[in-house]
């Protein structure tokens, strides 16, 4: 299976980085957050595994955390959009 992978530096959240891998069909294979609310982010990571990038972005895009203009789920969407345009690795 061919995959694509990025490490995305977040902005405006407690997590500081998101590591994401998807296959050539844009199916999310794994997600790891660095920092943030560990239990919640582990849960999000498990829920999005096996999902299509576009489906996850449609559900999580624009979610806010308190008075912040973004959230970890919203930042995951930014990472996934960037990942979609990343070349596939062999």
N, C-alpha and C. Protein backbone atom coordinates (compact mmCIF):
# COMPACT_ATOMS: atom_id res chain seq x y z
N UNK A 1 0.84 -1.17 0.00
CA UNK A 1 0.00 0.00 0.00
C UNK A 1 0.88 1.24 0.00
N UNK A 2 0.55 2.19 -0.84
CA UNK A 2 1.26 3.45 -0.89
C UNK A 2 0.59 4.42 0.08
N UNK A 3 1.41 5.28 0.71
CA UNK A 3 0.88 6.21 1.70
C UNK A 3 1.45 7.60 1.49
N UNK A 4 0.82 8.55 2.16
CA UNK A 4 1.35 9.91 2.24
C UNK A 4 1.29 10.32 3.70
N UNK A 5 2.22 11.17 4.10
CA UNK A 5 2.42 11.47 5.52
C UNK A 5 2.84 12.92 5.70
N UNK A 6 2.34 13.56 6.75
CA UNK A 6 2.81 14.90 7.11
C UNK A 6 2.88 15.03 8.63
N UNK A 7 3.68 15.99 9.05
CA UNK A 7 3.69 16.46 10.43
C UNK A 7 3.28 17.92 10.35
N UNK A 8 2.12 18.22 10.92
CA UNK A 8 1.53 19.55 10.80
C UNK A 8 1.66 20.32 12.11
N UNK A 9 2.28 21.49 12.05
CA UNK A 9 2.41 22.34 13.24
C UNK A 9 1.11 23.10 13.42
N UNK A 10 0.45 22.89 14.55
CA UNK A 10 -0.84 23.51 14.81
C UNK A 10 -0.68 24.97 15.21
N UNK A 11 -1.80 25.68 15.21
CA UNK A 11 -1.82 27.09 15.60
C UNK A 11 -3.08 27.36 16.41
N UNK A 12 -2.93 27.97 17.58
CA UNK A 12 -4.08 28.37 18.37
C UNK A 12 -4.68 27.28 19.24
N UNK A 13 -3.96 26.18 19.43
CA UNK A 13 -4.47 25.07 20.25
C UNK A 13 -3.42 24.62 21.26
N UNK A 14 -3.86 23.81 22.22
CA UNK A 14 -2.95 23.25 23.22
C UNK A 14 -2.02 22.22 22.59
N UNK A 15 -2.52 21.47 21.60
CA UNK A 15 -1.63 20.55 20.88
C UNK A 15 -0.72 21.39 20.00
N UNK A 16 0.50 20.91 19.79
CA UNK A 16 1.47 21.68 19.02
C UNK A 16 1.79 21.07 17.67
N UNK A 17 1.43 19.78 17.50
CA UNK A 17 1.75 19.11 16.25
C UNK A 17 0.80 17.94 16.04
N UNK A 18 0.47 17.68 14.77
CA UNK A 18 -0.35 16.52 14.40
C UNK A 18 0.41 15.74 13.34
N UNK A 19 0.60 14.45 13.57
CA UNK A 19 1.27 13.54 12.65
C UNK A 19 0.18 12.69 12.01
N UNK A 20 0.05 12.76 10.67
CA UNK A 20 -1.05 12.08 9.98
C UNK A 20 -0.52 11.29 8.79
N UNK A 21 -1.06 10.07 8.63
CA UNK A 21 -0.76 9.23 7.48
C UNK A 21 -2.07 8.78 6.84
N UNK A 22 -2.12 8.82 5.51
CA UNK A 22 -3.28 8.32 4.76
C UNK A 22 -2.78 7.48 3.59
N UNK A 23 -3.65 6.61 3.08
CA UNK A 23 -3.25 5.80 1.93
C UNK A 23 -3.55 6.55 0.63
N UNK A 24 -3.27 5.88 -0.49
CA UNK A 24 -3.42 6.52 -1.80
C UNK A 24 -4.87 6.84 -2.15
N UNK A 25 -5.82 6.28 -1.40
CA UNK A 25 -7.24 6.55 -1.61
C UNK A 25 -7.78 7.58 -0.62
N UNK A 26 -6.90 8.28 0.05
CA UNK A 26 -7.25 9.30 1.05
C UNK A 26 -8.01 8.72 2.24
N UNK A 27 -7.69 7.48 2.61
CA UNK A 27 -8.22 6.86 3.81
C UNK A 27 -7.19 7.07 4.93
N UNK A 28 -7.62 7.65 6.04
CA UNK A 28 -6.71 7.94 7.14
C UNK A 28 -6.26 6.64 7.80
N UNK A 29 -4.95 6.47 7.91
CA UNK A 29 -4.36 5.27 8.50
C UNK A 29 -3.99 5.47 9.97
N UNK A 30 -3.46 6.66 10.31
CA UNK A 30 -3.12 6.94 11.70
C UNK A 30 -3.01 8.43 11.93
N UNK A 31 -3.31 8.82 13.16
CA UNK A 31 -3.21 10.22 13.59
C UNK A 31 -2.62 10.23 14.99
N UNK A 32 -1.61 11.07 15.20
CA UNK A 32 -1.03 11.28 16.53
C UNK A 32 -0.97 12.78 16.79
N UNK A 33 -1.42 13.19 17.97
CA UNK A 33 -1.33 14.58 18.41
C UNK A 33 -0.21 14.68 19.43
N UNK A 34 0.55 15.76 19.38
CA UNK A 34 1.56 16.06 20.38
C UNK A 34 1.02 17.20 21.23
N UNK A 35 0.84 16.96 22.52
CA UNK A 35 0.26 17.94 23.41
C UNK A 35 -1.25 17.89 23.36
N UNK A 36 -1.88 18.77 24.11
CA UNK A 36 -3.34 18.82 24.13
C UNK A 36 -3.93 17.87 25.15
N UNK A 37 -5.23 17.68 25.07
CA UNK A 37 -5.98 16.82 26.00
C UNK A 37 -5.85 15.37 25.55
N UNK A 38 -4.95 14.65 26.17
CA UNK A 38 -4.53 13.34 25.71
C UNK A 38 -5.69 12.37 25.46
N UNK A 39 -6.58 12.21 26.41
CA UNK A 39 -7.69 11.27 26.24
C UNK A 39 -8.60 11.63 25.09
N UNK A 40 -8.98 12.90 25.00
CA UNK A 40 -9.86 13.34 23.92
C UNK A 40 -9.20 13.16 22.56
N UNK A 41 -7.92 13.50 22.48
CA UNK A 41 -7.23 13.41 21.20
C UNK A 41 -6.96 11.97 20.79
N UNK A 42 -6.75 11.09 21.76
CA UNK A 42 -6.65 9.66 21.42
C UNK A 42 -7.98 9.17 20.86
N UNK A 43 -9.08 9.64 21.47
CA UNK A 43 -10.41 9.27 20.99
C UNK A 43 -10.65 9.74 19.57
N UNK A 44 -10.33 11.00 19.29
CA UNK A 44 -10.49 11.53 17.93
C UNK A 44 -9.65 10.73 16.96
N UNK A 45 -8.41 10.43 17.34
CA UNK A 45 -7.51 9.66 16.47
C UNK A 45 -8.11 8.31 16.11
N UNK A 46 -8.70 7.63 17.07
CA UNK A 46 -9.31 6.32 16.81
C UNK A 46 -10.56 6.45 15.95
N UNK A 47 -11.35 7.48 16.20
CA UNK A 47 -12.60 7.66 15.45
C UNK A 47 -12.36 7.98 13.97
N UNK A 48 -11.29 8.71 13.68
CA UNK A 48 -11.06 9.08 12.27
C UNK A 48 -10.27 8.03 11.50
N UNK A 49 -9.63 7.11 12.19
CA UNK A 49 -8.88 6.05 11.50
C UNK A 49 -9.84 5.23 10.64
N UNK A 50 -9.47 5.03 9.38
CA UNK A 50 -10.29 4.27 8.43
C UNK A 50 -11.33 5.11 7.71
N UNK A 51 -11.39 6.42 8.04
CA UNK A 51 -12.34 7.31 7.40
C UNK A 51 -11.69 8.04 6.22
N UNK A 52 -12.51 8.45 5.26
CA UNK A 52 -12.01 9.26 4.15
C UNK A 52 -11.74 10.68 4.63
N UNK A 53 -10.68 11.26 4.12
CA UNK A 53 -10.30 12.62 4.50
C UNK A 53 -11.47 13.58 4.33
N UNK A 54 -12.13 13.56 3.19
CA UNK A 54 -13.22 14.50 2.93
C UNK A 54 -14.37 14.35 3.93
N UNK A 55 -14.66 13.13 4.36
CA UNK A 55 -15.73 12.91 5.32
C UNK A 55 -15.38 13.50 6.68
N UNK A 56 -14.14 13.34 7.10
CA UNK A 56 -13.70 13.89 8.39
C UNK A 56 -13.71 15.41 8.34
N UNK A 57 -13.21 16.00 7.27
CA UNK A 57 -13.19 17.45 7.14
C UNK A 57 -14.61 18.00 7.17
N UNK A 58 -15.52 17.34 6.49
CA UNK A 58 -16.92 17.79 6.46
C UNK A 58 -17.53 17.81 7.87
N UNK A 59 -17.16 16.86 8.71
CA UNK A 59 -17.73 16.76 10.05
C UNK A 59 -17.04 17.66 11.08
N UNK A 60 -15.74 17.88 10.96
CA UNK A 60 -14.98 18.55 12.02
C UNK A 60 -14.55 19.98 11.71
N UNK A 61 -14.63 20.39 10.45
CA UNK A 61 -14.18 21.71 10.05
C UNK A 61 -14.96 22.81 10.77
N UNK A 62 -14.23 23.76 11.35
CA UNK A 62 -14.86 24.92 11.97
C UNK A 62 -15.21 24.77 13.44
N UNK A 63 -14.98 23.58 14.02
CA UNK A 63 -15.25 23.42 15.45
C UNK A 63 -14.31 24.33 16.24
N UNK A 64 -14.86 24.98 17.26
CA UNK A 64 -14.06 25.89 18.08
C UNK A 64 -13.95 25.35 19.50
N UNK A 65 -12.88 25.73 20.17
CA UNK A 65 -12.65 25.35 21.57
C UNK A 65 -12.80 26.61 22.41
N UNK A 66 -13.89 26.69 23.15
CA UNK A 66 -14.14 27.88 23.98
C UNK A 66 -14.18 29.13 23.13
N UNK A 67 -13.40 30.13 23.53
CA UNK A 67 -13.38 31.40 22.80
C UNK A 67 -12.31 31.44 21.71
N UNK A 68 -11.57 30.35 21.56
CA UNK A 68 -10.54 30.28 20.52
C UNK A 68 -11.21 30.20 19.15
N UNK A 69 -10.54 30.67 18.14
CA UNK A 69 -11.07 30.62 16.78
C UNK A 69 -10.88 29.28 16.11
N UNK A 70 -10.33 28.32 16.82
CA UNK A 70 -10.04 27.00 16.26
C UNK A 70 -10.11 25.97 17.38
N UNK A 71 -9.77 24.74 17.06
CA UNK A 71 -9.73 23.64 18.03
C UNK A 71 -8.82 22.56 17.47
N UNK A 72 -8.55 21.55 18.26
CA UNK A 72 -7.74 20.43 17.75
C UNK A 72 -8.45 19.73 16.59
N UNK A 73 -9.76 19.47 16.64
CA UNK A 73 -10.42 18.88 15.48
C UNK A 73 -10.33 19.78 14.24
N UNK A 74 -10.48 21.09 14.44
CA UNK A 74 -10.37 22.02 13.32
C UNK A 74 -8.96 22.03 12.75
N UNK A 75 -7.95 21.99 13.62
CA UNK A 75 -6.57 21.93 13.16
C UNK A 75 -6.28 20.61 12.44
N UNK A 76 -6.92 19.53 12.88
CA UNK A 76 -6.79 18.25 12.17
C UNK A 76 -7.29 18.42 10.74
N UNK A 77 -8.37 19.16 10.55
CA UNK A 77 -8.88 19.41 9.20
C UNK A 77 -7.85 20.14 8.35
N UNK A 78 -7.18 21.14 8.94
CA UNK A 78 -6.13 21.86 8.19
C UNK A 78 -5.02 20.89 7.79
N UNK A 79 -4.65 20.01 8.72
CA UNK A 79 -3.61 19.02 8.42
C UNK A 79 -4.06 18.07 7.32
N UNK A 80 -5.31 17.62 7.38
CA UNK A 80 -5.83 16.68 6.38
C UNK A 80 -5.91 17.33 5.00
N UNK A 81 -6.29 18.60 4.94
CA UNK A 81 -6.33 19.29 3.65
C UNK A 81 -4.94 19.39 3.04
N UNK A 82 -3.95 19.66 3.89
CA UNK A 82 -2.57 19.71 3.40
C UNK A 82 -2.11 18.32 2.98
N UNK A 83 -2.47 17.31 3.75
CA UNK A 83 -2.08 15.93 3.44
C UNK A 83 -2.64 15.50 2.09
N UNK A 84 -3.88 15.91 1.81
CA UNK A 84 -4.51 15.53 0.54
C UNK A 84 -3.67 15.95 -0.66
N UNK A 85 -2.95 17.06 -0.52
CA UNK A 85 -2.14 17.59 -1.61
C UNK A 85 -0.67 17.18 -1.54
N UNK A 86 -0.37 16.24 -0.62
CA UNK A 86 0.99 15.75 -0.45
C UNK A 86 1.24 14.57 -1.39
N UNK A 87 2.40 14.53 -2.03
CA UNK A 87 2.69 13.40 -2.92
C UNK A 87 2.72 12.06 -2.18
N UNK A 88 2.33 11.01 -2.87
CA UNK A 88 2.32 9.66 -2.30
C UNK A 88 3.75 9.14 -2.23
N UNK A 89 4.08 8.48 -1.09
CA UNK A 89 5.39 7.87 -0.90
C UNK A 89 5.33 6.43 -1.37
N UNK A 90 6.47 5.88 -1.71
CA UNK A 90 6.52 4.46 -2.11
C UNK A 90 6.88 3.57 -0.98
